[in-house]
Amino acid sequence: MKNLFIFLSLISFLGADELDEYFSLLHEHPHLAVPGEHEKGEIEIVLDREGIGAIEKAQIERLVKKGVSLALAQKSSQVGIVSEDIYWLWIRDAVIFPTGATGTYERIVWKSGLLTQNTNGVAILPVFPDGRIALVLNYRHATRSWELELPRGALKKGETLQETVIRELQAETGLIAKEPILLGSMTPDTGVLPSVVPVFWIKIESEGMADCDFSEAIEGIRLYTVDELKAGLKAGWMEVEMGGEKRRVPLRDPFLTFGLFLSDL
């Protein structure tokens, strides 16, 4: 415990540069720094250096008492920007919980949404004139599986949401349409992601050639009636023809469920 005491006494002198970057980020994007009030049942973000230092020390002590190594406890408690690449920011905040207890809490921010109040992309419900809905058959790296999903994609700088819908729909599916209608917005995972995703309904006018990004694994589109999709969502899968054989492909897209509910189809 002597080593722990010495280490904790040095915490306030460590990580100054990291905190500077953290404070600069919050200053530049105030929507990330909404403090909250723990007395009102919210999770309050602590934004002063002394308070952050005290919470870091308390968090390290708590983790060490649970058997976590000192090195890992320090790594898991340091407030600021934990990691960053060209796509994502992993942020760790010092917080006060509604009980009055303190600790740290983490969130993942998609960088393309920083300038649009966390709206970094769109999801699209493409409806053919006969009422069938087009889903993308997409291999997802995160789940390591094929998934049936609504087309969706990220905004480009200077685009309106409607322009993104039309461009992404054609790029992923080859489908051509105009005048998308906003159904509503959803947050796919409020536990760690602040992302707000608008979901649009759009009527298909014609079909062309898809122009997928090199990093996408899209096998094509499949068309389904609303009744087929509702049954598939309840079952959790659809039977899909792939490579001359039939396979069960997961159907669990939250954007599809949201879009079907709001479109009253």
C-alpha atoms as a PDB file:
ATOM      1  CA  MET A   1       0.000   0.000   0.000  1.00  0.00           C
ATOM      2  CA  LYS A   2       2.967   2.315   0.466  1.00  0.00           C
ATOM      3  CA  ASN A   3       3.629   2.259  -3.291  1.00  0.00           C
ATOM      4  CA  LEU A   4      -0.017   3.017  -3.920  1.00  0.00           C
ATOM      5  CA  PHE A   5       0.109   6.032  -1.594  1.00  0.00           C
ATOM      6  CA  ILE A   6       3.211   7.401  -3.328  1.00  0.00           C
ATOM      7  CA  PHE A   7       1.639   6.856  -6.730  1.00  0.00           C
ATOM      8  CA  LEU A   8      -1.602   8.594  -5.776  1.00  0.00           C
ATOM      9  CA  SER A   9       0.310  11.563  -4.385  1.00  0.00           C
ATOM     10  CA  LEU A  10       1.779  12.073  -7.853  1.00  0.00           C
ATOM     11  CA  ILE A  11      -1.496  11.789  -9.799  1.00  0.00           C
ATOM     12  CA  SER A  12      -2.193  15.530  -9.767  1.00  0.00           C
ATOM     13  CA  PHE A  13       1.120  16.125 -11.550  1.00  0.00           C
ATOM     14  CA  LEU A  14       0.424  13.574 -14.273  1.00  0.00           C
ATOM     15  CA  GLY A  15      -1.748  13.780 -17.351  1.00  0.00           C
ATOM     16  CA  ALA A  16      -1.807  17.581 -17.654  1.00  0.00           C
ATOM     17  CA  ASP A  17      -1.419  17.460 -21.432  1.00  0.00           C
ATOM     18  CA  GLU A  18      -4.193  14.867 -21.728  1.00  0.00           C
ATOM     19  CA  LEU A  19      -6.541  17.032 -19.668  1.00  0.00           C
ATOM     20  CA  ASP A  20      -5.692  20.080 -21.787  1.00  0.00           C
ATOM     21  CA  GLU A  21      -6.773  18.150 -24.903  1.00  0.00           C
ATOM     22  CA  TYR A  22      -9.916  16.971 -23.107  1.00  0.00           C
ATOM     23  CA  PHE A  23     -10.902  20.481 -22.019  1.00  0.00           C
ATOM     24  CA  SER A  24     -10.197  21.846 -25.510  1.00  0.00           C
ATOM     25  CA  LEU A  25     -12.493  19.209 -27.005  1.00  0.00           C
ATOM     26  CA  LEU A  26     -15.313  20.041 -24.577  1.00  0.00           C
ATOM     27  CA  HIS A  27     -14.849  23.773 -25.158  1.00  0.00           C
ATOM     28  CA  GLU A  28     -14.991  23.323 -28.936  1.00  0.00           C
ATOM     29  CA  HIS A  29     -18.051  21.050 -28.762  1.00  0.00           C
ATOM     30  CA  PRO A  30     -20.204  22.231 -25.830  1.00  0.00           C
ATOM     31  CA  HIS A  31     -22.868  19.567 -26.406  1.00  0.00           C
ATOM     32  CA  LEU A  32     -20.315  17.050 -25.086  1.00  0.00           C
ATOM     33  CA  ALA A  33     -19.941  19.029 -21.865  1.00  0.00           C
ATOM     34  CA  VAL A  34     -23.542  19.318 -20.647  1.00  0.00           C
ATOM     35  CA  PRO A  35     -22.723  18.891 -16.947  1.00  0.00           C
ATOM     36  CA  GLY A  36     -25.931  17.471 -15.475  1.00  0.00           C
ATOM     37  CA  GLU A  37     -26.902  17.693 -11.798  1.00  0.00           C
ATOM     38  CA  HIS A  38     -26.555  14.638  -9.594  1.00  0.00           C
ATOM     39  CA  GLU A  39     -28.972  16.113  -7.022  1.00  0.00           C
ATOM     40  CA  LYS A  40     -31.682  15.849  -9.689  1.00  0.00           C
ATOM     41  CA  GLY A  41     -30.954  12.195 -10.377  1.00  0.00           C
ATOM     42  CA  GLU A  42     -28.565  12.849 -13.272  1.00  0.00           C
ATOM     43  CA  ILE A  43     -24.958  11.747 -13.817  1.00  0.00           C
ATOM     44  CA  GLU A  44     -22.976  14.942 -13.337  1.00  0.00           C
ATOM     45  CA  ILE A  45     -19.691  15.555 -15.166  1.00  0.00           C
ATOM     46  CA  VAL A  46     -16.969  17.127 -13.008  1.00  0.00           C
ATOM     47  CA  LEU A  47     -15.122  19.766 -14.999  1.00  0.00           C
ATOM     48  CA  ASP A  48     -12.522  21.218 -12.609  1.00  0.00           C
ATOM     49  CA  ARG A  49      -8.993  19.816 -12.401  1.00  0.00           C
ATOM     50  CA  GLU A  50      -8.930  19.427  -8.630  1.00  0.00           C
ATOM     51  CA  GLY A  51     -12.205  17.544  -8.622  1.00  0.00           C
ATOM     52  CA  ILE A  52     -11.079  15.321 -11.485  1.00  0.00           C
ATOM     53  CA  GLY A  53      -7.808  14.535  -9.688  1.00  0.00           C
ATOM     54  CA  ALA A  54      -9.644  13.553  -6.514  1.00  0.00           C
ATOM     55  CA  ILE A  55     -12.007  11.266  -8.421  1.00  0.00           C
ATOM     56  CA  GLU A  56      -9.131   9.622 -10.308  1.00  0.00           C
ATOM     57  CA  LYS A  57      -7.388   8.844  -7.024  1.00  0.00           C
ATOM     58  CA  ALA A  58     -10.561   7.452  -5.464  1.00  0.00           C
ATOM     59  CA  GLN A  59     -11.236   5.314  -8.532  1.00  0.00           C
ATOM     60  CA  ILE A  60      -7.719   3.866  -8.492  1.00  0.00           C
ATOM     61  CA  GLU A  61      -8.032   3.001  -4.794  1.00  0.00           C
ATOM     62  CA  ARG A  62     -11.398   1.360  -5.429  1.00  0.00           C
ATOM     63  CA  LEU A  63     -10.044  -0.789  -8.270  1.00  0.00           C
ATOM     64  CA  VAL A  64      -6.886  -1.795  -6.398  1.00  0.00           C
ATOM     65  CA  LYS A  65      -8.994  -2.938  -3.442  1.00  0.00           C
ATOM     66  CA  LYS A  66     -10.907  -5.145  -5.894  1.00  0.00           C
ATOM     67  CA  GLY A  67      -7.655  -6.844  -6.892  1.00  0.00           C
ATOM     68  CA  VAL A  68      -6.897  -4.889 -10.064  1.00  0.00           C
ATOM     69  CA  SER A  69      -3.198  -4.271 -10.610  1.00  0.00           C
ATOM     70  CA  LEU A  70      -1.968  -0.748  -9.906  1.00  0.00           C
ATOM     71  CA  ALA A  71      -0.931  -0.221 -13.520  1.00  0.00           C
ATOM     72  CA  LEU A  72      -4.304  -1.320 -14.907  1.00  0.00           C
ATOM     73  CA  ALA A  73      -6.203   0.640 -12.251  1.00  0.00           C
ATOM     74  CA  GLN A  74      -4.357   3.818 -13.252  1.00  0.00           C
ATOM     75  CA  LYS A  75      -4.930   3.157 -16.944  1.00  0.00           C
ATOM     76  CA  SER A  76      -8.626   2.525 -16.312  1.00  0.00           C
ATOM     77  CA  SER A  77      -9.118   5.668 -14.226  1.00  0.00           C
ATOM     78  CA  GLN A  78      -7.357   8.448 -16.117  1.00  0.00           C
ATOM     79  CA  VAL A  79      -9.834  11.074 -17.255  1.00  0.00           C
ATOM     80  CA  GLY A  80      -9.579  12.562 -20.731  1.00  0.00           C
ATOM     81  CA  ILE A  81      -9.380  11.317 -24.289  1.00  0.00           C
ATOM     82  CA  VAL A  82      -8.514   7.657 -23.864  1.00  0.00           C
ATOM     83  CA  SER A  83      -8.001   6.968 -27.560  1.00  0.00           C
ATOM     84  CA  GLU A  84      -8.574   8.666 -30.891  1.00  0.00           C
ATOM     85  CA  ASP A  85      -8.331   7.803 -34.571  1.00  0.00           C
ATOM     86  CA  ILE A  86      -9.755   9.402 -37.709  1.00  0.00           C
ATOM     87  CA  TYR A  87     -13.221   7.973 -36.987  1.00  0.00           C
ATOM     88  CA  TRP A  88     -13.739   7.724 -33.211  1.00  0.00           C
ATOM     89  CA  LEU A  89     -13.089   9.400 -29.872  1.00  0.00           C
ATOM     90  CA  TRP A  90     -13.094   7.339 -26.690  1.00  0.00           C
ATOM     91  CA  ILE A  91     -13.680   9.710 -23.765  1.00  0.00           C
ATOM     92  CA  ARG A  92     -13.515   9.043 -20.027  1.00  0.00           C
ATOM     93  CA  ASP A  93     -15.229  11.563 -17.723  1.00  0.00           C
ATOM     94  CA  ALA A  94     -15.062  12.088 -13.970  1.00  0.00           C
ATOM     95  CA  VAL A  95     -18.616  11.985 -12.662  1.00  0.00           C
ATOM     96  CA  ILE A  96     -20.839  12.211  -9.611  1.00  0.00           C
ATOM     97  CA  PHE A  97     -23.658   9.666  -9.587  1.00  0.00           C
ATOM     98  CA  PRO A  98     -27.160  10.398  -8.220  1.00  0.00           C
ATOM     99  CA  THR A  99     -26.197   8.656  -4.964  1.00  0.00           C
ATOM    100  CA  GLY A 100     -23.389  11.183  -4.446  1.00  0.00           C
ATOM    101  CA  ALA A 101     -20.729   8.551  -5.124  1.00  0.00           C
ATOM    102  CA  THR A 102     -17.994   9.492  -7.586  1.00  0.00           C
ATOM    103  CA  GLY A 103     -16.275   7.533 -10.322  1.00  0.00           C
ATOM    104  CA  THR A 104     -15.480   7.573 -14.006  1.00  0.00           C
ATOM    105  CA  TYR A 105     -17.737   6.907 -16.990  1.00  0.00           C
ATOM    106  CA  GLU A 106     -16.905   6.387 -20.647  1.00  0.00           C
ATOM    107  CA  ARG A 107     -18.491   7.213 -23.992  1.00  0.00           C
ATOM    108  CA  ILE A 108     -17.624   6.672 -27.637  1.00  0.00           C
ATOM    109  CA  VAL A 109     -18.103   9.587 -30.052  1.00  0.00           C
ATOM    110  CA  TRP A 110     -18.192   9.252 -33.824  1.00  0.00           C
ATOM    111  CA  LYS A 111     -16.074  12.192 -35.004  1.00  0.00           C
ATOM    112  CA  SER A 112     -18.155  12.858 -38.110  1.00  0.00           C
ATOM    113  CA  GLY A 113     -21.003  13.874 -35.787  1.00  0.00           C
ATOM    114  CA  LEU A 114     -19.086  16.423 -33.736  1.00  0.00           C
ATOM    115  CA  LEU A 115     -20.160  19.389 -35.869  1.00  0.00           C
ATOM    116  CA  THR A 116     -23.786  18.270 -36.163  1.00  0.00           C
ATOM    117  CA  GLN A 117     -24.722  17.725 -32.501  1.00  0.00           C
ATOM    118  CA  ASN A 118     -24.039  13.963 -32.738  1.00  0.00           C
ATOM    119  CA  THR A 119     -26.045  13.469 -35.952  1.00  0.00           C
ATOM    120  CA  ASN A 120     -23.366  11.723 -37.962  1.00  0.00           C
ATOM    121  CA  GLY A 121     -25.349   9.573 -40.373  1.00  0.00           C
ATOM    122  CA  VAL A 122     -28.736   8.484 -41.690  1.00  0.00           C
ATOM    123  CA  ALA A 123     -30.747   5.290 -42.053  1.00  0.00           C
ATOM    124  CA  ILE A 124     -33.075   4.814 -45.017  1.00  0.00           C
ATOM    125  CA  LEU A 125     -36.340   2.888 -45.383  1.00  0.00           C
ATOM    126  CA  PRO A 126     -36.554   2.360 -49.190  1.00  0.00           C
ATOM    127  CA  VAL A 127     -40.073   1.452 -50.345  1.00  0.00           C
ATOM    128  CA  PHE A 128     -40.871   0.169 -53.850  1.00  0.00           C
ATOM    129  CA  PRO A 129     -44.140   1.170 -55.579  1.00  0.00           C
ATOM    130  CA  ASP A 130     -45.588  -2.284 -54.779  1.00  0.00           C
ATOM    131  CA  GLY A 131     -44.935  -1.718 -51.062  1.00  0.00           C
ATOM    132  CA  ARG A 132     -41.938  -4.029 -50.687  1.00  0.00           C
ATOM    133  CA  ILE A 133     -38.963  -2.782 -48.694  1.00  0.00           C
ATOM    134  CA  ALA A 134     -35.339  -3.114 -49.777  1.00  0.00           C
ATOM    135  CA  LEU A 135     -32.799  -4.374 -47.254  1.00  0.00           C
ATOM    136  CA  VAL A 136     -29.045  -4.585 -47.702  1.00  0.00           C
ATOM    137  CA  LEU A 137     -27.371  -7.967 -47.238  1.00  0.00           C
ATOM    138  CA  ASN A 138     -24.247  -6.793 -45.485  1.00  0.00           C
ATOM    139  CA  TYR A 139     -21.377  -8.611 -43.773  1.00  0.00           C
ATOM    140  CA  ARG A 140     -20.608  -6.784 -40.532  1.00  0.00           C
ATOM    141  CA  HIS A 141     -17.152  -6.913 -39.018  1.00  0.00           C
ATOM    142  CA  ALA A 142     -18.395  -6.182 -35.482  1.00  0.00           C
ATOM    143  CA  THR A 143     -20.831  -9.122 -35.335  1.00  0.00           C
ATOM    144  CA  ARG A 144     -18.755 -11.337 -37.682  1.00  0.00           C
ATOM    145  CA  SER A 145     -21.926 -12.258 -39.530  1.00  0.00           C
ATOM    146  CA  TRP A 146     -24.161 -11.419 -42.458  1.00  0.00           C
ATOM    147  CA  GLU A 147     -26.948  -9.031 -41.491  1.00  0.00           C
ATOM    148  CA  LEU A 148     -30.110  -7.820 -43.229  1.00  0.00           C
ATOM    149  CA  GLU A 149     -30.315  -4.089 -42.607  1.00  0.00           C
ATOM    150  CA  LEU A 150     -31.653  -0.802 -43.858  1.00  0.00           C
ATOM    151  CA  PRO A 151     -29.154   1.110 -46.010  1.00  0.00           C
ATOM    152  CA  ARG A 152     -27.343   3.719 -43.961  1.00  0.00           C
ATOM    153  CA  GLY A 153     -24.266   5.903 -44.103  1.00  0.00           C
ATOM    154  CA  ALA A 154     -22.383   8.931 -42.860  1.00  0.00           C
ATOM    155  CA  LEU A 155     -22.807  12.573 -43.765  1.00  0.00           C
ATOM    156  CA  LYS A 156     -20.224  14.299 -45.880  1.00  0.00           C
ATOM    157  CA  LYS A 157     -19.133  17.809 -45.022  1.00  0.00           C
ATOM    158  CA  GLY A 158     -21.544  20.388 -46.418  1.00  0.00           C
ATOM    159  CA  GLU A 159     -24.321  17.891 -47.173  1.00  0.00           C
ATOM    160  CA  THR A 160     -27.902  18.161 -46.003  1.00  0.00           C
ATOM    161  CA  LEU A 161     -29.445  15.057 -44.466  1.00  0.00           C
ATOM    162  CA  GLN A 162     -31.649  14.672 -47.541  1.00  0.00           C
ATOM    163  CA  GLU A 163     -28.629  14.774 -49.863  1.00  0.00           C
ATOM    164  CA  THR A 164     -26.928  12.117 -47.752  1.00  0.00           C
ATOM    165  CA  VAL A 165     -29.996   9.861 -48.017  1.00  0.00           C
ATOM    166  CA  ILE A 166     -30.094  10.036 -51.816  1.00  0.00           C
ATOM    167  CA  ARG A 167     -26.331   9.574 -52.229  1.00  0.00           C
ATOM    168  CA  GLU A 168     -25.952   6.723 -49.745  1.00  0.00           C
ATOM    169  CA  LEU A 169     -29.007   4.884 -51.071  1.00  0.00           C
ATOM    170  CA  GLN A 170     -27.658   4.881 -54.603  1.00  0.00           C
ATOM    171  CA  ALA A 171     -24.103   4.041 -53.515  1.00  0.00           C
ATOM    172  CA  GLU A 172     -25.090   1.014 -51.411  1.00  0.00           C
ATOM    173  CA  THR A 173     -27.999  -0.333 -53.461  1.00  0.00           C
ATOM    174  CA  GLY A 174     -28.105   1.332 -56.893  1.00  0.00           C
ATOM    175  CA  LEU A 175     -31.646   2.473 -56.086  1.00  0.00           C
ATOM    176  CA  ILE A 176     -32.631   5.939 -57.264  1.00  0.00           C
ATOM    177  CA  ALA A 177     -35.151   8.095 -55.439  1.00  0.00           C
ATOM    178  CA  LYS A 178     -35.958  11.677 -54.533  1.00  0.00           C
ATOM    179  CA  GLU A 179     -37.678  13.620 -51.750  1.00  0.00           C
ATOM    180  CA  PRO A 180     -36.948  11.574 -48.627  1.00  0.00           C
ATOM    181  CA  ILE A 181     -39.333  12.048 -45.711  1.00  0.00           C
ATOM    182  CA  LEU A 182     -38.009  12.182 -42.139  1.00  0.00           C
ATOM    183  CA  LEU A 183     -39.755   9.633 -39.917  1.00  0.00           C
ATOM    184  CA  GLY A 184     -37.868  10.466 -36.719  1.00  0.00           C
ATOM    185  CA  SER A 185     -34.516  10.073 -34.997  1.00  0.00           C
ATOM    186  CA  MET A 186     -33.188   7.337 -32.731  1.00  0.00           C
ATOM    187  CA  THR A 187     -30.131   6.570 -30.630  1.00  0.00           C
ATOM    188  CA  PRO A 188     -28.938   2.982 -31.232  1.00  0.00           C
ATOM    189  CA  ASP A 189     -27.101   2.578 -27.910  1.00  0.00           C
ATOM    190  CA  THR A 190     -27.462   5.275 -25.257  1.00  0.00           C
ATOM    191  CA  GLY A 191     -25.171   3.328 -22.920  1.00  0.00           C
ATOM    192  CA  VAL A 192     -21.976   4.327 -24.720  1.00  0.00           C
ATOM    193  CA  LEU A 193     -22.909   6.171 -27.941  1.00  0.00           C
ATOM    194  CA  PRO A 194     -24.296   9.724 -28.072  1.00  0.00           C
ATOM    195  CA  SER A 195     -25.091   9.291 -31.794  1.00  0.00           C
ATOM    196  CA  VAL A 196     -28.524  10.442 -32.974  1.00  0.00           C
ATOM    197  CA  VAL A 197     -29.539   8.832 -36.280  1.00  0.00           C
ATOM    198  CA  PRO A 198     -32.390  10.255 -38.414  1.00  0.00           C
ATOM    199  CA  VAL A 199     -34.439   7.572 -40.198  1.00  0.00           C
ATOM    200  CA  PHE A 200     -35.967   8.504 -43.566  1.00  0.00           C
ATOM    201  CA  TRP A 201     -38.730   6.966 -45.694  1.00  0.00           C
ATOM    202  CA  ILE A 202     -38.177   7.204 -49.434  1.00  0.00           C
ATOM    203  CA  LYS A 203     -40.061   5.897 -52.479  1.00  0.00           C
ATOM    204  CA  ILE A 204     -37.956   4.137 -55.099  1.00  0.00           C
ATOM    205  CA  GLU A 205     -38.254   5.506 -58.642  1.00  0.00           C
ATOM    206  CA  SER A 206     -35.741   3.382 -60.578  1.00  0.00           C
ATOM    207  CA  GLU A 207     -32.762   1.059 -60.257  1.00  0.00           C
ATOM    208  CA  GLY A 208     -29.171   1.670 -61.315  1.00  0.00           C
ATOM    209  CA  MET A 209     -25.693   0.451 -60.413  1.00  0.00           C
ATOM    210  CA  ALA A 210     -24.398   0.432 -56.863  1.00  0.00           C
ATOM    211  CA  ASP A 211     -21.068   2.089 -56.105  1.00  0.00           C
ATOM    212  CA  CYS A 212     -20.000   0.630 -52.766  1.00  0.00           C
ATOM    213  CA  ASP A 213     -16.983   1.838 -50.843  1.00  0.00           C
ATOM    214  CA  PHE A 214     -13.933  -0.437 -50.947  1.00  0.00           C
ATOM    215  CA  SER A 215     -14.385  -1.245 -47.248  1.00  0.00           C
ATOM    216  CA  GLU A 216     -17.993  -2.430 -47.512  1.00  0.00           C
ATOM    217  CA  ALA A 217     -19.028  -6.076 -47.828  1.00  0.00           C
ATOM    218  CA  ILE A 218     -22.451  -5.758 -49.447  1.00  0.00           C
ATOM    219  CA  GLU A 219     -23.761  -8.800 -51.319  1.00  0.00           C
ATOM    220  CA  GLY A 220     -26.771  -6.964 -52.731  1.00  0.00           C
ATOM    221  CA  ILE A 221     -30.338  -6.131 -51.746  1.00  0.00           C
ATOM    222  CA  ARG A 222     -33.348  -8.279 -50.880  1.00  0.00           C
ATOM    223  CA  LEU A 223     -36.987  -7.203 -51.150  1.00  0.00           C
ATOM    224  CA  TYR A 224     -39.606  -8.099 -48.544  1.00  0.00           C
ATOM    225  CA  THR A 225     -43.207  -7.275 -47.744  1.00  0.00           C
ATOM    226  CA  VAL A 226     -44.002  -5.640 -44.436  1.00  0.00           C
ATOM    227  CA  ASP A 227     -45.638  -8.838 -43.179  1.00  0.00           C
ATOM    228  CA  GLU A 228     -42.524 -10.851 -44.075  1.00  0.00           C
ATOM    229  CA  LEU A 229     -40.326  -8.384 -42.205  1.00  0.00           C
ATOM    230  CA  LYS A 230     -42.509  -8.382 -39.104  1.00  0.00           C
ATOM    231  CA  ALA A 231     -42.428 -12.178 -39.029  1.00  0.00           C
ATOM    232  CA  GLY A 232     -38.662 -12.148 -39.617  1.00  0.00           C
ATOM    233  CA  LEU A 233     -38.054  -9.657 -36.820  1.00  0.00           C
ATOM    234  CA  LYS A 234     -40.037 -11.823 -34.420  1.00  0.00           C
ATOM    235  CA  ALA A 235     -38.071 -14.898 -35.467  1.00  0.00           C
ATOM    236  CA  GLY A 236     -34.761 -13.016 -35.515  1.00  0.00           C
ATOM    237  CA  TRP A 237     -33.790 -14.225 -38.996  1.00  0.00           C
ATOM    238  CA  MET A 238     -34.763 -14.519 -42.648  1.00  0.00           C
ATOM    239  CA  GLU A 239     -34.002 -17.340 -45.050  1.00  0.00           C
ATOM    240  CA  VAL A 240     -31.819 -15.905 -47.809  1.00  0.00           C
ATOM    241  CA  GLU A 241     -30.435 -17.415 -50.995  1.00  0.00           C
ATOM    242  CA  MET A 242     -26.668 -16.940 -51.103  1.00  0.00           C
ATOM    243  CA  GLY A 243     -24.233 -18.632 -53.452  1.00  0.00           C
ATOM    244  CA  GLY A 244     -26.792 -21.179 -54.621  1.00  0.00           C
ATOM    245  CA  GLU A 245     -27.811 -22.230 -51.110  1.00  0.00           C
ATOM    246  CA  LYS A 246     -30.313 -21.040 -48.548  1.00  0.00           C
ATOM    247  CA  ARG A 247     -29.008 -19.626 -45.299  1.00  0.00           C
ATOM    248  CA  ARG A 248     -30.511 -18.131 -42.184  1.00  0.00           C
ATOM    249  CA  VAL A 249     -29.374 -14.526 -41.913  1.00  0.00           C
ATOM    250  CA  PRO A 250     -30.019 -12.473 -38.751  1.00  0.00           C
ATOM    251  CA  LEU A 251     -32.750  -9.851 -38.962  1.00  0.00           C
ATOM    252  CA  ARG A 252     -32.302  -7.620 -35.904  1.00  0.00           C
ATOM    253  CA  ASP A 253     -31.732  -4.130 -37.263  1.00  0.00           C
ATOM    254  CA  PRO A 254     -33.055  -1.542 -34.765  1.00  0.00           C
ATOM    255  CA  PHE A 255     -33.330   1.078 -37.524  1.00  0.00           C
ATOM    256  CA  LEU A 256     -35.687  -1.207 -39.460  1.00  0.00           C
ATOM    257  CA  THR A 257     -37.857  -1.796 -36.388  1.00  0.00           C
ATOM    258  CA  PHE A 258     -37.962   1.943 -35.702  1.00  0.00           C
ATOM    259  CA  GLY A 259     -38.758   2.765 -39.346  1.00  0.00           C
ATOM    260  CA  LEU A 260     -41.548   0.219 -39.630  1.00  0.00           C
ATOM    261  CA  PHE A 261     -43.147   1.453 -36.415  1.00  0.00           C
ATOM    262  CA  LEU A 262     -43.125   5.126 -37.431  1.00  0.00           C
ATOM    263  CA  SER A 263     -44.087   4.616 -41.069  1.00  0.00           C
ATOM    264  CA  ASP A 264     -47.335   2.806 -40.200  1.00  0.00           C
ATOM    265  CA  LEU A 265     -46.736   0.365 -43.053  1.00  0.00           C
END
